[in-house]
């Protein structure tokens, strides 16, 4: 998928993921990646277009349409009224109805599902690159239709193979859906983008015996939002020491380890010396034990505080005032919250995953997931420490973990 001419390259970014997430709370890591690509394409002078799959077919938007959508995704412009097409889609949420209605008003081309090949071939220049970094709209029929466009090349980002490697942590049906997506990508993609060497090795392992497109490893970047202490909930204000765990409350994130740690802390810490655990993220799936603990534990709401919809500025402020980010995840393809904390100079205590060492080396403190006492002792030790990181260290990490290196590598290839 290398381009050898100096002519501008036309790129078509799939925004189905961001559209599907409207009205569903705080952005996930994959949402942030798709949003970063939207920002980057709008920043570059090369021609760019955007594709959205809806229940009623496909929408094609130009640069102006992409800019208008970004203003709505980021809350600078309110979504408009639902149109008749959305009103005839009863399964959509009200927020999604308004979002898809605006996308239809902003698009310059649209078609039903059978017309995708003709729409793209007629509306876009020959030789366009289709980019899908959000995992949505990766069914075989859609990729086959795009692959039939003369000169079009498909690049897809695979963030991890966790659904296949840890099926016990997945929502019902997600393993089968992921396997079908990966097979479709292997069949039709000209390039697979991987966020880490670990992910690349995992993808190669799962595609053994199948077609394996070329793969490019490009570590993701982070752009932490400016801190907004005024957006913190009352419970998160004050001077009591605290730690943060950040991410969807799902089984592989291993929140229960931290809850057991807080139970042990409460056994020998006076109440006035107990640290807070700030649990940031919306509730996911297949996690009844964790949800029950949050509902009934006497520590919940007192020393363990749950937030499902903090603003990005509030998350930054809470990370910066914390004694560290706790990240005992069983599996990650990259680990954006850990990287974001490091870019802010926030201490990180994490599980000893291979991918964390690949990305951040010895910056985190690594603790075994099966030894809660190690976590207790490390947290106790940090209660006496005031978070303080050299400004040059923070600046260096921010440059290292920024998006520019990622995009330079990706757009040299496509």
Protein backbone atom coordinates (compact mmCIF):
# COMPACT_ATOMS: atom_id res chain seq x y z
CA UNK A 1 0.00 0.00 0.00
CA UNK A 2 2.98 2.31 -0.44
CA UNK A 3 2.44 5.44 -2.49
CA UNK A 4 5.33 6.38 -4.77
CA UNK A 5 4.04 9.62 -6.32
CA UNK A 6 4.11 13.09 -4.79
CA UNK A 7 0.45 13.78 -5.58
CA UNK A 8 -1.95 14.36 -2.66
CA UNK A 9 -3.55 11.17 -1.44
CA UNK A 10 -7.32 11.10 -1.04
CA UNK A 11 -8.44 9.38 2.15
CA UNK A 12 -11.85 8.10 3.23
CA UNK A 13 -12.22 7.69 7.01
CA UNK A 14 -15.01 5.56 8.44
CA UNK A 15 -16.86 7.43 11.23
CA UNK A 16 -19.45 4.75 11.99
CA UNK A 17 -17.95 4.15 15.42
CA UNK A 18 -18.24 7.76 16.60
CA UNK A 19 -21.77 8.00 15.23
CA UNK A 20 -22.78 4.84 17.08
CA UNK A 21 -21.41 6.23 20.36
CA UNK A 22 -23.42 9.46 20.38
CA UNK A 23 -25.36 9.72 23.63
CA UNK A 24 -23.65 6.71 25.23
CA UNK A 25 -21.43 8.47 27.75
CA UNK A 26 -17.71 9.11 28.02
CA UNK A 27 -15.47 8.19 25.09
CA UNK A 28 -13.71 4.83 25.11
CA UNK A 29 -10.13 4.33 23.97
CA UNK A 30 -11.21 3.23 20.49
CA UNK A 31 -13.51 6.26 20.25
CA UNK A 32 -10.53 8.50 21.00
CA UNK A 33 -8.46 6.90 18.26
CA UNK A 34 -11.15 7.46 15.64
CA UNK A 35 -11.58 11.05 16.85
CA UNK A 36 -7.81 11.61 16.59
CA UNK A 37 -7.85 10.42 12.98
CA UNK A 38 -10.75 12.75 12.23
CA UNK A 39 -8.77 15.67 13.66
CA UNK A 40 -5.64 14.73 11.74
CA UNK A 41 -7.34 14.39 8.36
CA UNK A 42 -9.08 17.73 8.85
CA UNK A 43 -5.72 19.28 9.76
CA UNK A 44 -3.91 17.97 6.67
CA UNK A 45 -4.35 19.65 3.25
CA UNK A 46 -4.90 16.36 1.40
CA UNK A 47 -8.43 15.61 0.14
CA UNK A 48 -10.48 13.79 2.79
CA UNK A 49 -13.94 12.27 2.94
CA UNK A 50 -15.93 10.40 5.56
CA UNK A 51 -18.19 7.36 5.46
CA UNK A 52 -20.95 6.43 7.92
CA UNK A 53 -23.06 3.30 7.87
CA UNK A 54 -26.55 3.71 9.29
CA UNK A 55 -29.42 1.28 9.55
CA UNK A 56 -30.80 2.87 6.38
CA UNK A 57 -27.64 2.73 4.31
CA UNK A 58 -24.44 4.68 3.80
CA UNK A 59 -23.67 8.41 3.99
CA UNK A 60 -20.71 10.13 2.33
CA UNK A 61 -19.43 13.47 3.67
CA UNK A 62 -16.76 15.87 2.45
CA UNK A 63 -14.33 17.98 4.49
CA UNK A 64 -16.99 20.55 5.39
CA UNK A 65 -19.32 17.79 6.52
CA UNK A 66 -16.54 16.22 8.58
CA UNK A 67 -15.81 19.54 10.28
CA UNK A 68 -19.48 20.06 11.07
CA UNK A 69 -19.74 16.56 12.54
CA UNK A 70 -16.64 17.10 14.65
CA UNK A 71 -18.22 20.24 16.12
CA UNK A 72 -21.20 18.14 17.12
CA UNK A 73 -19.17 15.19 18.46
CA UNK A 74 -17.20 17.61 20.65
CA UNK A 75 -20.28 19.47 21.88
CA UNK A 76 -19.62 22.87 20.27
CA UNK A 77 -22.79 22.54 18.18
CA UNK A 78 -25.98 20.84 19.32
CA UNK A 79 -27.47 18.02 17.33
CA UNK A 80 -30.53 19.01 15.31
CA UNK A 81 -34.01 17.56 15.17
CA UNK A 82 -34.70 13.98 14.19
CA UNK A 83 -35.87 13.61 10.59
CA UNK A 84 -38.58 11.31 9.30
CA UNK A 85 -36.10 8.56 8.42
CA UNK A 86 -34.87 8.42 12.02
CA UNK A 87 -38.37 8.56 13.42
CA UNK A 88 -39.09 5.39 11.44
CA UNK A 89 -36.19 3.64 13.21
CA UNK A 90 -37.67 2.77 16.63
CA UNK A 91 -34.59 0.87 17.88
CA UNK A 92 -32.39 3.97 17.78
CA UNK A 93 -31.96 6.11 20.88
CA UNK A 94 -33.17 9.70 20.68
CA UNK A 95 -29.57 10.92 20.64
CA UNK A 96 -28.67 8.58 17.78
CA UNK A 97 -31.77 9.63 15.81
CA UNK A 98 -30.74 13.28 15.99
CA UNK A 99 -27.13 12.49 15.13
CA UNK A 100 -27.96 10.38 12.07
CA UNK A 101 -30.44 13.04 10.95
CA UNK A 102 -27.73 15.71 11.04
CA UNK A 103 -25.35 13.40 9.16
CA UNK A 104 -27.96 12.99 6.42
CA UNK A 105 -28.39 16.76 6.23
CA UNK A 106 -24.62 17.25 5.99
CA UNK A 107 -23.80 14.48 3.51
CA UNK A 108 -23.34 15.00 -0.22
CA UNK A 109 -23.99 11.39 -1.17
CA UNK A 110 -26.05 8.53 0.19
CA UNK A 111 -27.15 5.06 -0.86
CA UNK A 112 -28.71 1.86 0.37
CA UNK A 113 -26.45 -1.00 1.30
CA UNK A 114 -26.32 -2.49 -2.24
CA UNK A 115 -25.17 0.81 -3.76
CA UNK A 116 -21.92 1.42 -1.85
CA UNK A 117 -19.54 0.47 -4.67
CA UNK A 118 -21.19 2.81 -7.18
CA UNK A 119 -21.49 5.67 -4.67
CA UNK A 120 -17.79 5.68 -3.78
CA UNK A 121 -16.61 5.03 -7.36
CA UNK A 122 -18.67 7.91 -8.76
CA UNK A 123 -18.15 10.45 -5.95
CA UNK A 124 -14.47 10.07 -5.04
CA UNK A 125 -11.21 10.28 -7.03
CA UNK A 126 -9.63 7.08 -8.26
CA UNK A 127 -7.03 5.69 -5.87
CA UNK A 128 -8.71 6.62 -2.58
CA UNK A 129 -7.53 4.95 0.63
CA UNK A 130 -10.28 3.73 2.97
CA UNK A 131 -9.32 3.88 6.66
CA UNK A 132 -11.22 2.05 9.39
CA UNK A 133 -9.74 2.50 12.87
CA UNK A 134 -12.91 2.15 14.96
CA UNK A 135 -13.78 -1.56 14.49
CA UNK A 136 -17.32 -0.69 13.33
CA UNK A 137 -18.54 -1.37 9.78
CA UNK A 138 -16.13 -4.26 9.24
CA UNK A 139 -18.54 -6.85 7.87
CA UNK A 140 -17.51 -8.84 4.82
CA UNK A 141 -20.25 -7.42 2.57
CA UNK A 142 -19.26 -3.80 3.23
CA UNK A 143 -15.53 -4.44 2.78
CA UNK A 144 -16.20 -6.42 -0.39
CA UNK A 145 -18.23 -3.52 -1.78
CA UNK A 146 -15.42 -1.08 -1.01
CA UNK A 147 -12.84 -3.47 -2.39
CA UNK A 148 -14.74 -3.51 -5.69
CA UNK A 149 -14.16 0.23 -6.19
CA UNK A 150 -11.43 0.62 -8.85
CA UNK A 151 -8.13 1.66 -7.28
CA UNK A 152 -9.45 1.79 -3.70
CA UNK A 153 -7.23 0.29 -1.02
CA UNK A 154 -8.39 -0.72 2.45
CA UNK A 155 -6.44 -0.13 5.68
CA UNK A 156 -7.87 -1.37 8.98
CA UNK A 157 -6.59 -0.94 12.54
CA UNK A 158 -6.77 -3.96 14.81
CA UNK A 159 -6.45 -2.82 18.43
CA UNK A 160 -6.11 -6.27 20.02
CA UNK A 161 -7.25 -9.89 19.73
CA UNK A 162 -8.58 -10.05 23.29
CA UNK A 163 -12.01 -11.46 22.29
CA UNK A 164 -10.27 -14.54 20.87
CA UNK A 165 -7.59 -14.85 23.55
CA UNK A 166 -9.83 -14.22 26.59
CA UNK A 167 -13.35 -15.29 25.60
CA UNK A 168 -14.28 -15.64 29.27
CA UNK A 169 -14.21 -11.84 29.62
CA UNK A 170 -16.48 -11.10 26.65
CA UNK A 171 -20.12 -10.17 26.23
CA UNK A 172 -22.33 -12.83 24.62
CA UNK A 173 -21.82 -13.02 20.86
CA UNK A 174 -18.77 -10.75 20.78
CA UNK A 175 -16.26 -13.56 20.15
CA UNK A 176 -18.08 -14.71 17.02
CA UNK A 177 -18.50 -11.14 15.77
CA UNK A 178 -14.81 -10.39 16.25
CA UNK A 179 -13.71 -13.58 14.50
CA UNK A 180 -15.92 -12.70 11.51
CA UNK A 181 -14.48 -9.18 11.39
CA UNK A 182 -10.89 -10.41 11.51
CA UNK A 183 -11.60 -12.87 8.69
CA UNK A 184 -13.13 -10.09 6.60
CA UNK A 185 -10.14 -7.84 7.24
CA UNK A 186 -7.72 -10.61 6.26
CA UNK A 187 -9.67 -11.15 3.05
CA UNK A 188 -10.04 -7.57 1.83
CA UNK A 189 -7.49 -5.28 3.55
CA UNK A 190 -4.33 -4.08 1.79
CA UNK A 191 -2.81 -3.10 5.14
CA UNK A 192 -3.44 -3.90 8.80
CA UNK A 193 -2.46 -1.21 11.29
CA UNK A 194 -1.40 -2.52 14.72
CA UNK A 195 -1.02 -0.39 17.84
CA UNK A 196 1.83 -2.51 19.24
CA UNK A 197 4.22 -5.31 18.38
CA UNK A 198 2.22 -7.46 20.78
CA UNK A 199 -0.95 -6.88 18.77
CA UNK A 200 0.87 -7.62 15.50
CA UNK A 201 2.14 -10.94 16.82
CA UNK A 202 -1.33 -11.84 18.08
CA UNK A 203 -2.96 -10.98 14.74
CA UNK A 204 -0.40 -13.06 12.86
CA UNK A 205 -1.03 -15.96 15.21
CA UNK A 206 -4.78 -15.86 14.66
CA UNK A 207 -4.43 -15.50 10.87
CA UNK A 208 -2.14 -18.50 10.55
CA UNK A 209 -3.27 -20.45 7.50
CA UNK A 210 -5.22 -17.49 6.12
CA UNK A 211 -4.25 -14.58 3.89
CA UNK A 212 -2.10 -12.18 5.91
CA UNK A 213 -2.02 -8.61 4.58
CA UNK A 214 1.08 -6.48 5.27
CA UNK A 215 1.08 -5.06 8.80
CA UNK A 216 2.38 -1.78 10.18
CA UNK A 217 3.03 -1.20 13.88
CA UNK A 218 2.47 2.38 15.03
CA UNK A 219 2.09 3.13 18.72
CA UNK A 220 -0.92 5.30 19.49
CA UNK A 221 -0.60 8.81 20.82
CA UNK A 222 -2.43 10.68 23.54
CA UNK A 223 -3.48 14.30 23.88
CA UNK A 224 -4.53 14.81 27.52
CA UNK A 225 -7.20 17.45 27.95
CA UNK A 226 -6.30 20.56 29.98
CA UNK A 227 -7.21 20.00 33.64
CA UNK A 228 -10.57 21.36 34.75
CA UNK A 229 -10.73 21.07 38.57
CA UNK A 230 -14.03 22.96 38.57
CA UNK A 231 -15.67 20.03 36.75
CA UNK A 232 -14.83 17.56 39.53
CA UNK A 233 -17.74 16.23 41.57
CA UNK A 234 -17.80 17.37 45.18
CA UNK A 235 -16.76 13.91 46.40
CA UNK A 236 -13.56 14.12 44.31
CA UNK A 237 -12.50 17.47 45.71
CA UNK A 238 -10.52 18.02 48.88
CA UNK A 239 -7.07 16.94 49.99
CA UNK A 240 -7.60 13.29 50.94
CA UNK A 241 -5.03 11.12 49.08
CA UNK A 242 -6.52 9.09 46.27
CA UNK A 243 -5.75 6.73 43.42
CA UNK A 244 -7.47 6.36 40.05
CA UNK A 245 -8.56 3.34 38.03
CA UNK A 246 -9.72 4.34 34.56
CA UNK A 247 -11.61 2.34 31.95
CA UNK A 248 -14.84 0.50 31.24
CA UNK A 249 -15.89 -1.62 34.22
CA UNK A 250 -15.56 -4.98 32.50
CA UNK A 251 -14.05 -8.28 33.70
CA UNK A 252 -10.60 -8.03 32.13
CA UNK A 253 -9.94 -4.69 33.85
CA UNK A 254 -9.75 -6.61 37.16
CA UNK A 255 -11.45 -4.03 39.39
CA UNK A 256 -12.14 -6.71 42.00
CA UNK A 257 -8.42 -6.94 42.84
CA UNK A 258 -8.48 -3.27 43.81
CA UNK A 259 -11.66 -3.67 45.83
CA UNK A 260 -10.00 -6.48 47.82
CA UNK A 261 -6.99 -4.22 48.33
CA UNK A 262 -9.25 -1.50 49.73
CA UNK A 263 -10.89 -4.03 52.04
CA UNK A 264 -7.45 -4.97 53.39
CA UNK A 265 -6.51 -1.30 53.79
CA UNK A 266 -9.69 -0.70 55.78
CA UNK A 267 -8.76 -3.47 58.21
CA UNK A 268 -5.79 -1.57 59.65
CA UNK A 269 -6.09 2.04 58.47
CA UNK A 270 -8.03 4.50 60.64
CA UNK A 271 -10.97 5.92 58.66
CA UNK A 272 -9.41 9.38 58.59
CA UNK A 273 -6.28 7.91 56.93
CA UNK A 274 -8.03 5.78 54.33
CA UNK A 275 -7.20 6.75 50.75
CA UNK A 276 -9.88 7.14 48.11
CA UNK A 277 -10.19 4.93 45.06
CA UNK A 278 -11.69 6.86 42.14
CA UNK A 279 -13.31 4.41 39.71
CA UNK A 280 -13.79 6.19 36.38
CA UNK A 281 -15.74 4.45 33.62
CA UNK A 282 -19.17 3.28 32.63
CA UNK A 283 -20.40 -0.17 33.61
CA UNK A 284 -19.81 -2.80 30.97
CA UNK A 285 -20.85 -6.44 30.80
CA UNK A 286 -20.51 -9.85 32.45
CA UNK A 287 -19.36 -8.31 35.74
CA UNK A 288 -22.06 -9.02 38.31
CA UNK A 289 -19.61 -9.55 41.18
CA UNK A 290 -18.05 -6.11 40.70
CA UNK A 291 -21.41 -4.38 40.25
CA UNK A 292 -22.78 -6.10 43.38
CA UNK A 293 -19.73 -4.97 45.37
CA UNK A 294 -20.25 -1.38 44.24
CA UNK A 295 -23.88 -1.58 45.33
CA UNK A 296 -23.52 -3.22 48.77
CA UNK A 297 -19.98 -2.75 50.12
CA UNK A 298 -19.77 -0.31 53.05
CA UNK A 299 -16.62 1.07 51.38
CA UNK A 300 -18.49 2.01 48.19
CA UNK A 301 -19.53 5.64 48.18
CA UNK A 302 -17.29 6.31 51.18
CA UNK A 303 -13.75 5.35 50.16
CA UNK A 304 -14.45 3.89 46.71
CA UNK A 305 -16.10 6.47 44.47
CA UNK A 306 -17.60 5.63 41.07
CA UNK A 307 -17.94 8.13 38.19
CA UNK A 308 -19.56 7.12 34.91
CA UNK A 309 -19.46 10.35 32.94
CA UNK A 310 -16.63 12.70 33.91
CA UNK A 311 -15.48 15.26 31.36
CA UNK A 312 -12.00 14.85 29.90
CA UNK A 313 -10.85 17.93 31.81
CA UNK A 314 -12.12 16.49 35.07
CA UNK A 315 -10.31 13.18 34.40
CA UNK A 316 -7.04 15.05 33.82
CA UNK A 317 -7.52 17.06 37.01
CA UNK A 318 -8.25 13.94 39.04
CA UNK A 319 -5.24 12.10 37.63
CA UNK A 320 -2.93 15.02 38.38
CA UNK A 321 -4.03 15.30 42.01
CA UNK A 322 -3.92 11.53 42.58
CA UNK A 323 -1.06 9.47 44.04
CA UNK A 324 -1.15 7.31 40.92
CA UNK A 325 -3.09 5.40 38.29
CA UNK A 326 -3.80 1.75 39.18
CA UNK A 327 -4.02 -0.57 36.17
CA UNK A 328 -4.29 -4.27 37.12
CA UNK A 329 -5.76 -5.33 33.76
CA UNK A 330 -5.59 -8.99 32.71
CA UNK A 331 -5.07 -8.07 29.03
CA UNK A 332 -4.60 -4.99 26.84
CA UNK A 333 -3.74 -4.32 23.23
CA UNK A 334 -2.23 -0.96 24.16
CA UNK A 335 -3.55 0.67 27.35
CA UNK A 336 -4.45 4.29 26.55
CA UNK A 337 -5.28 5.29 30.16
CA UNK A 338 -1.85 4.14 31.31
CA UNK A 339 -0.14 6.08 28.50
CA UNK A 340 -2.24 9.18 29.18
CA UNK A 341 -1.26 9.09 32.86
CA UNK A 342 2.42 8.75 31.92
CA UNK A 343 2.15 11.70 29.52
CA UNK A 344 0.88 13.76 32.47
CA UNK A 345 3.72 12.56 34.68
CA UNK A 346 1.35 10.65 36.96
CA UNK A 347 2.83 7.54 38.66
CA UNK A 348 1.50 4.25 37.33
CA UNK A 349 1.14 0.94 39.17
CA UNK A 350 0.27 -1.78 36.68
CA UNK A 351 0.08 -5.48 35.95
CA UNK A 352 3.28 -6.79 34.32
CA UNK A 353 1.87 -7.04 30.79
CA UNK A 354 4.25 -7.38 27.86
CA UNK A 355 2.62 -4.53 25.97
CA UNK A 356 3.12 -2.09 28.87
CA UNK A 357 6.85 -2.82 28.90
CA UNK A 358 6.96 -2.38 25.13
CA UNK A 359 5.39 1.08 25.30
CA UNK A 360 6.56 2.54 28.62
CA UNK A 361 9.51 0.41 29.68
CA UNK A 362 10.29 0.84 33.37
CA UNK A 363 8.13 3.92 33.94
CA UNK A 364 5.33 1.97 35.72
CA UNK A 365 5.76 -0.03 38.91
CA UNK A 366 4.79 -3.59 37.93
CA UNK A 367 3.03 -5.78 40.49
CA UNK A 368 1.73 -9.35 40.14
CA UNK A 369 -2.03 -9.60 39.71
CA UNK A 370 -2.34 -12.59 42.04
CA UNK A 371 -0.68 -10.90 45.02
CA UNK A 372 -3.01 -8.33 46.56
CA UNK A 373 -0.59 -7.76 49.45
CA UNK A 374 1.99 -6.33 47.05
CA UNK A 375 -0.60 -3.82 45.91
CA UNK A 376 -1.54 -3.01 49.52
CA UNK A 377 2.09 -2.39 50.47
CA UNK A 378 2.79 -0.24 47.39
CA UNK A 379 -0.29 1.88 47.99
CA UNK A 380 0.58 2.33 51.67
CA UNK A 381 4.07 3.42 50.69
CA UNK A 382 2.68 5.99 48.30
CA UNK A 383 0.34 7.50 50.87
CA UNK A 384 3.35 9.24 52.37
CA UNK A 385 4.52 10.56 49.02
CA UNK A 386 3.35 13.73 47.36
CA UNK A 387 3.06 13.31 43.61
CA UNK A 388 5.91 15.25 42.06
CA UNK A 389 7.47 14.57 38.67
CA UNK A 390 10.23 16.60 37.08
CA UNK A 391 8.80 19.01 34.48
CA UNK A 392 11.39 17.92 31.91
CA UNK A 393 10.32 14.31 32.40
CA UNK A 394 6.70 15.22 31.75
CA UNK A 395 7.64 17.24 28.66
CA UNK A 396 9.75 14.40 27.30
CA UNK A 397 7.03 11.81 27.86
CA UNK A 398 4.44 14.08 26.24
CA UNK A 399 6.59 14.36 23.10
CA UNK A 400 7.30 10.63 23.06
CA UNK A 401 3.65 9.71 23.48
CA UNK A 402 2.16 12.32 21.14
CA UNK A 403 0.27 11.54 17.93
CA UNK A 404 2.78 12.98 15.43
CA UNK A 405 5.02 9.90 15.33
CA UNK A 406 2.01 7.65 14.80
CA UNK A 407 0.56 9.67 11.95
CA UNK A 408 3.91 10.17 10.25
CA UNK A 409 4.38 6.40 10.14
CA UNK A 410 0.82 5.66 8.98
CA UNK A 411 0.55 8.30 6.27
CA UNK A 412 3.94 7.45 4.82
CA UNK A 413 2.40 4.07 4.01
CA UNK A 414 -1.04 5.15 2.83
